[in-house]
Amino acid sequence: MAEETQGKAPESGASSAPQDRQSSGPGSGGPGGGGSGPRPGGRPSGGPGGRGKFFRRKKVCKFCTEKIDAIPYRDVRLLQGFVAERGKIVPRRLTGVCTTHQRRLTRAIKQARNIALLPFATRH
């Protein structure tokens, strides 16, 4: 039974809830956690020897692959992809942008904020 459900996508949200709860993140183990949560260091076991389900691709810089040299501060639609919902600039490790383009991106976001094209923060 475990081999059958492992290869298939879940058909309803209720059937996959107990599996998702076990590996949801640091500090979670669900009620009666036991030893099924993350390792004591706070990281989930997905490395060598662990039971990692997903293969994470190496992130490549969007600007390098599309050969975009200058990042315009007026292109709000482009910049909004690198700003979180609350208004924070998304870090490089999450977006996959290279260091030089992250610096240019940060400068462009700050310029767009100063002339009120992007909000500094959202109201919540």
C-alpha atoms as a PDB file:
ATOM      1  CA  MET A   1       0.000   0.000   0.000  1.00  0.00           C
ATOM      2  CA  ALA A   2       2.838   2.421   0.793  1.00  0.00           C
ATOM      3  CA  GLU A   3       4.474   1.711  -2.583  1.00  0.00           C
ATOM      4  CA  GLU A   4       1.225   2.487  -4.420  1.00  0.00           C
ATOM      5  CA  THR A   5       0.578   5.885  -2.837  1.00  0.00           C
ATOM      6  CA  GLN A   6       4.188   7.052  -2.982  1.00  0.00           C
ATOM      7  CA  GLY A   7       4.395   7.299  -6.775  1.00  0.00           C
ATOM      8  CA  LYS A   8       0.960   8.856  -7.344  1.00  0.00           C
ATOM      9  CA  ALA A   9      -0.105  12.441  -6.858  1.00  0.00           C
ATOM     10  CA  PRO A  10      -2.639  12.895  -4.049  1.00  0.00           C
ATOM     11  CA  GLU A  11      -6.212  13.016  -5.281  1.00  0.00           C
ATOM     12  CA  SER A  12      -7.626  14.917  -2.332  1.00  0.00           C
ATOM     13  CA  GLY A  13      -6.132  17.291   0.228  1.00  0.00           C
ATOM     14  CA  ALA A  14      -7.211  15.130   3.184  1.00  0.00           C
ATOM     15  CA  SER A  15      -5.187  12.086   2.185  1.00  0.00           C
ATOM     16  CA  SER A  16      -1.866  13.954   1.999  1.00  0.00           C
ATOM     17  CA  ALA A  17      -2.254  16.063   5.169  1.00  0.00           C
ATOM     18  CA  PRO A  18      -0.539  13.643   7.606  1.00  0.00           C
ATOM     19  CA  GLN A  19       2.459  13.231   5.276  1.00  0.00           C
ATOM     20  CA  ASP A  20       2.889  16.992   4.795  1.00  0.00           C
ATOM     21  CA  ARG A  21       2.725  17.666   8.519  1.00  0.00           C
ATOM     22  CA  GLN A  22       5.768  15.509   9.227  1.00  0.00           C
ATOM     23  CA  SER A  23       8.175  17.425   6.999  1.00  0.00           C
ATOM     24  CA  SER A  24       6.671  20.908   7.067  1.00  0.00           C
ATOM     25  CA  GLY A  25       9.637  22.693   8.655  1.00  0.00           C
ATOM     26  CA  PRO A  26      11.709  23.372  11.729  1.00  0.00           C
ATOM     27  CA  GLY A  27      10.062  22.851  15.062  1.00  0.00           C
ATOM     28  CA  SER A  28       7.117  20.962  13.663  1.00  0.00           C
ATOM     29  CA  GLY A  29       6.504  17.369  14.351  1.00  0.00           C
ATOM     30  CA  GLY A  30       2.790  17.490  14.746  1.00  0.00           C
ATOM     31  CA  PRO A  31       0.973  16.353  17.838  1.00  0.00           C
ATOM     32  CA  GLY A  32       2.887  13.531  19.479  1.00  0.00           C
ATOM     33  CA  GLY A  33       5.959  14.457  17.419  1.00  0.00           C
ATOM     34  CA  GLY A  34       8.220  11.618  18.463  1.00  0.00           C
ATOM     35  CA  GLY A  35      11.207  11.492  16.150  1.00  0.00           C
ATOM     36  CA  SER A  36       9.455  12.050  12.818  1.00  0.00           C
ATOM     37  CA  GLY A  37      10.232  15.794  12.563  1.00  0.00           C
ATOM     38  CA  PRO A  38      13.412  17.513  11.504  1.00  0.00           C
ATOM     39  CA  ARG A  39      16.829  16.670  12.855  1.00  0.00           C
ATOM     40  CA  PRO A  40      17.976  18.261  16.123  1.00  0.00           C
ATOM     41  CA  GLY A  41      19.944  20.925  14.202  1.00  0.00           C
ATOM     42  CA  GLY A  42      16.676  22.330  12.851  1.00  0.00           C
ATOM     43  CA  ARG A  43      17.159  21.197   9.260  1.00  0.00           C
ATOM     44  CA  PRO A  44      14.926  18.575   7.644  1.00  0.00           C
ATOM     45  CA  SER A  45      16.622  15.345   6.669  1.00  0.00           C
ATOM     46  CA  GLY A  46      16.969  15.517   2.904  1.00  0.00           C
ATOM     47  CA  GLY A  47      20.700  15.229   2.329  1.00  0.00           C
ATOM     48  CA  PRO A  48      22.785  12.137   1.759  1.00  0.00           C
ATOM     49  CA  GLY A  49      21.233   9.215   3.538  1.00  0.00           C
ATOM     50  CA  GLY A  50      17.985  11.120   4.146  1.00  0.00           C
ATOM     51  CA  ARG A  51      14.639  10.503   2.520  1.00  0.00           C
ATOM     52  CA  GLY A  52      14.487  13.624   0.355  1.00  0.00           C
ATOM     53  CA  LYS A  53      11.592  13.554  -2.101  1.00  0.00           C
ATOM     54  CA  PHE A  54      12.428  16.573  -4.201  1.00  0.00           C
ATOM     55  CA  PHE A  55      15.410  17.403  -6.377  1.00  0.00           C
ATOM     56  CA  ARG A  56      16.288  21.099  -6.193  1.00  0.00           C
ATOM     57  CA  ARG A  57      17.652  22.546  -9.423  1.00  0.00           C
ATOM     58  CA  LYS A  58      20.566  24.960  -9.388  1.00  0.00           C
ATOM     59  CA  LYS A  59      19.166  28.471  -9.682  1.00  0.00           C
ATOM     60  CA  VAL A  60      20.518  30.538 -12.545  1.00  0.00           C
ATOM     61  CA  CYS A  61      20.446  34.313 -12.850  1.00  0.00           C
ATOM     62  CA  LYS A  62      17.500  35.495 -14.929  1.00  0.00           C
ATOM     63  CA  PHE A  63      19.376  38.597 -16.052  1.00  0.00           C
ATOM     64  CA  CYS A  64      22.482  36.682 -17.120  1.00  0.00           C
ATOM     65  CA  THR A  65      20.529  34.127 -19.169  1.00  0.00           C
ATOM     66  CA  GLU A  66      18.439  36.801 -20.920  1.00  0.00           C
ATOM     67  CA  LYS A  67      21.532  39.037 -21.263  1.00  0.00           C
ATOM     68  CA  ILE A  68      19.869  42.013 -19.553  1.00  0.00           C
ATOM     69  CA  ASP A  69      22.662  44.422 -18.672  1.00  0.00           C
ATOM     70  CA  ALA A  70      20.800  47.430 -17.257  1.00  0.00           C
ATOM     71  CA  ILE A  71      17.863  46.963 -14.900  1.00  0.00           C
ATOM     72  CA  PRO A  72      15.450  49.869 -15.463  1.00  0.00           C
ATOM     73  CA  TYR A  73      13.838  51.308 -12.340  1.00  0.00           C
ATOM     74  CA  ARG A  74      10.762  52.225 -14.422  1.00  0.00           C
ATOM     75  CA  ASP A  75       9.955  48.577 -15.227  1.00  0.00           C
ATOM     76  CA  VAL A  76       7.648  48.026 -12.253  1.00  0.00           C
ATOM     77  CA  ARG A  77       6.375  44.665 -13.458  1.00  0.00           C
ATOM     78  CA  LEU A  78       9.910  43.255 -13.541  1.00  0.00           C
ATOM     79  CA  LEU A  79      10.820  44.697 -10.150  1.00  0.00           C
ATOM     80  CA  GLN A  80       7.659  43.441  -8.428  1.00  0.00           C
ATOM     81  CA  GLY A  81       8.842  39.876  -9.016  1.00  0.00           C
ATOM     82  CA  PHE A  82      11.786  40.570  -6.708  1.00  0.00           C
ATOM     83  CA  VAL A  83       9.809  42.322  -3.977  1.00  0.00           C
ATOM     84  CA  ALA A  84       7.909  40.260  -1.398  1.00  0.00           C
ATOM     85  CA  GLU A  85       4.243  40.791  -0.608  1.00  0.00           C
ATOM     86  CA  ARG A  86       5.075  42.930   2.412  1.00  0.00           C
ATOM     87  CA  GLY A  87       7.479  45.145   0.428  1.00  0.00           C
ATOM     88  CA  LYS A  88      10.811  43.552   1.337  1.00  0.00           C
ATOM     89  CA  ILE A  89      13.463  42.894  -1.292  1.00  0.00           C
ATOM     90  CA  VAL A  90      13.715  39.129  -1.796  1.00  0.00           C
ATOM     91  CA  PRO A  91      17.238  37.835  -1.016  1.00  0.00           C
ATOM     92  CA  ARG A  92      19.572  36.404  -3.609  1.00  0.00           C
ATOM     93  CA  ARG A  93      19.477  32.862  -2.249  1.00  0.00           C
ATOM     94  CA  LEU A  94      15.739  32.695  -2.942  1.00  0.00           C
ATOM     95  CA  THR A  95      15.617  34.370  -6.354  1.00  0.00           C
ATOM     96  CA  GLY A  96      18.785  32.859  -7.813  1.00  0.00           C
ATOM     97  CA  VAL A  97      20.044  36.207  -9.142  1.00  0.00           C
ATOM     98  CA  CYS A  98      23.834  36.643  -9.290  1.00  0.00           C
ATOM     99  CA  THR A  99      25.602  39.098  -6.978  1.00  0.00           C
ATOM    100  CA  THR A 100      26.141  41.909  -9.466  1.00  0.00           C
ATOM    101  CA  HIS A 101      22.576  41.813 -10.738  1.00  0.00           C
ATOM    102  CA  GLN A 102      21.214  41.629  -7.175  1.00  0.00           C
ATOM    103  CA  ARG A 103      23.049  44.866  -6.374  1.00  0.00           C
ATOM    104  CA  ARG A 104      21.690  46.547  -9.495  1.00  0.00           C
ATOM    105  CA  LEU A 105      18.238  45.167  -8.755  1.00  0.00           C
ATOM    106  CA  THR A 106      18.340  46.538  -5.204  1.00  0.00           C
ATOM    107  CA  ARG A 107      19.372  49.957  -6.483  1.00  0.00           C
ATOM    108  CA  ALA A 108      16.563  49.934  -9.079  1.00  0.00           C
ATOM    109  CA  ILE A 109      13.964  48.915  -6.458  1.00  0.00           C
ATOM    110  CA  LYS A 110      15.101  51.694  -4.140  1.00  0.00           C
ATOM    111  CA  GLN A 111      14.927  54.255  -6.965  1.00  0.00           C
ATOM    112  CA  ALA A 112      11.440  53.066  -7.891  1.00  0.00           C
ATOM    113  CA  ARG A 113      10.368  53.383  -4.253  1.00  0.00           C
ATOM    114  CA  ASN A 114      11.706  56.924  -4.005  1.00  0.00           C
ATOM    115  CA  ILE A 115       9.642  58.141  -6.948  1.00  0.00           C
ATOM    116  CA  ALA A 116       6.569  56.208  -5.741  1.00  0.00           C
ATOM    117  CA  LEU A 117       6.463  53.523  -8.428  1.00  0.00           C
ATOM    118  CA  LEU A 118       6.796  50.794  -5.774  1.00  0.00           C
ATOM    119  CA  PRO A 119       5.534  50.921  -2.182  1.00  0.00           C
ATOM    120  CA  PHE A 120       7.982  50.877   0.714  1.00  0.00           C
ATOM    121  CA  ALA A 121       5.680  48.595   2.680  1.00  0.00           C
ATOM    122  CA  THR A 122       2.103  47.368   2.640  1.00  0.00           C
ATOM    123  CA  ARG A 123      -0.504  48.333   5.170  1.00  0.00           C
ATOM    124  CA  HIS A 124      -1.317  45.418   7.551  1.00  0.00           C
END
